[in-house]
């Protein structure tokens, strides 16, 4: 099973969400522990990263297979999470 690590940007955004959306995001991230390739691989300048759709939000993450770790780089609204 993989370990989930949130970078500070992702953690800050998560704390700003209301409790309902916080729980929705947390539950979806927990699913990544069992299946890290649940999301969709990104291309172009974000190649090597993955995105996970969580309602109106997206989580951008990196899978570190050797460490069995998933690094959540950013969580945000779809329209600005890729900036």
Protein backbone atom coordinates (compact mmCIF):
# COMPACT_ATOMS: atom_id res chain seq x y z
CA UNK A 1 0.00 0.00 0.00
CA UNK A 2 1.21 3.48 -0.88
CA UNK A 3 1.67 6.36 1.54
CA UNK A 4 0.10 9.75 0.74
CA UNK A 5 2.16 12.90 1.35
CA UNK A 6 0.63 16.35 0.84
CA UNK A 7 2.89 19.23 -0.11
CA UNK A 8 2.22 22.49 1.70
CA UNK A 9 0.25 24.07 -1.21
CA UNK A 10 -2.09 21.10 -1.34
CA UNK A 11 -2.50 21.03 2.43
CA UNK A 12 -3.29 24.77 2.58
CA UNK A 13 -5.95 24.45 -0.12
CA UNK A 14 -7.49 21.44 1.60
CA UNK A 15 -7.76 23.32 4.90
CA UNK A 16 -9.60 26.20 3.17
CA UNK A 17 -12.36 23.91 1.87
CA UNK A 18 -15.63 23.42 3.72
CA UNK A 19 -15.97 20.16 5.68
CA UNK A 20 -18.06 18.41 3.03
CA UNK A 21 -15.56 19.03 0.23
CA UNK A 22 -12.63 18.33 2.56
CA UNK A 23 -14.06 14.90 3.31
CA UNK A 24 -14.77 14.24 -0.38
CA UNK A 25 -11.15 15.05 -1.30
CA UNK A 26 -9.73 13.02 1.60
CA UNK A 27 -11.84 9.98 0.71
CA UNK A 28 -10.73 10.14 -2.93
CA UNK A 29 -7.07 10.51 -1.93
CA UNK A 30 -7.40 7.44 0.31
CA UNK A 31 -8.45 5.46 -2.79
CA UNK A 32 -5.04 6.28 -4.29
CA UNK A 33 -3.35 4.24 -1.55
CA UNK A 34 -4.74 1.06 -3.09
CA UNK A 35 -4.61 2.13 -6.73
CA UNK A 36 -2.18 4.98 -7.46
CA UNK A 37 -3.03 4.91 -11.18
CA UNK A 38 -6.67 5.77 -10.47
CA UNK A 39 -6.12 9.17 -12.08
CA UNK A 40 -5.10 10.12 -15.60
CA UNK A 41 -1.49 10.68 -16.68
CA UNK A 42 -0.71 14.24 -17.75
CA UNK A 43 1.20 15.18 -20.90
CA UNK A 44 3.32 18.01 -22.31
CA UNK A 45 5.05 20.12 -19.65
CA UNK A 46 3.32 18.10 -16.88
CA UNK A 47 4.43 14.70 -18.18
CA UNK A 48 5.26 12.31 -15.35
CA UNK A 49 2.46 13.69 -13.20
CA UNK A 50 -1.11 12.46 -12.77
CA UNK A 51 -4.44 14.19 -12.22
CA UNK A 52 -7.31 12.95 -10.13
CA UNK A 53 -10.80 14.37 -10.64
CA UNK A 54 -12.69 15.09 -7.42
CA UNK A 55 -15.92 16.84 -8.42
CA UNK A 56 -15.01 20.42 -9.39
CA UNK A 57 -11.51 19.96 -7.99
CA UNK A 58 -8.38 18.32 -9.33
CA UNK A 59 -5.42 16.85 -7.48
CA UNK A 60 -2.07 16.84 -9.26
CA UNK A 61 0.21 14.11 -7.98
CA UNK A 62 3.38 12.17 -8.61
CA UNK A 63 3.79 8.44 -8.06
CA UNK A 64 7.10 7.47 -6.46
CA UNK A 65 7.06 3.71 -6.99
CA UNK A 66 10.37 2.88 -5.34
CA UNK A 67 9.35 4.63 -2.11
CA UNK A 68 5.71 3.44 -2.37
CA UNK A 69 4.70 7.08 -1.99
CA UNK A 70 2.19 9.34 -3.70
CA UNK A 71 3.16 13.00 -3.51
CA UNK A 72 0.15 15.31 -3.79
CA UNK A 73 1.61 18.45 -5.34
CA UNK A 74 -1.46 20.61 -5.74
CA UNK A 75 -5.21 20.56 -5.20
CA UNK A 76 -7.42 23.20 -6.77
CA UNK A 77 -10.28 24.17 -9.01
CA UNK A 78 -10.06 22.75 -12.51
CA UNK A 79 -9.59 26.14 -14.16
CA UNK A 80 -6.40 27.11 -12.29
CA UNK A 81 -4.82 23.96 -10.87
CA UNK A 82 -2.58 23.47 -13.91
CA UNK A 83 -0.90 26.92 -13.65
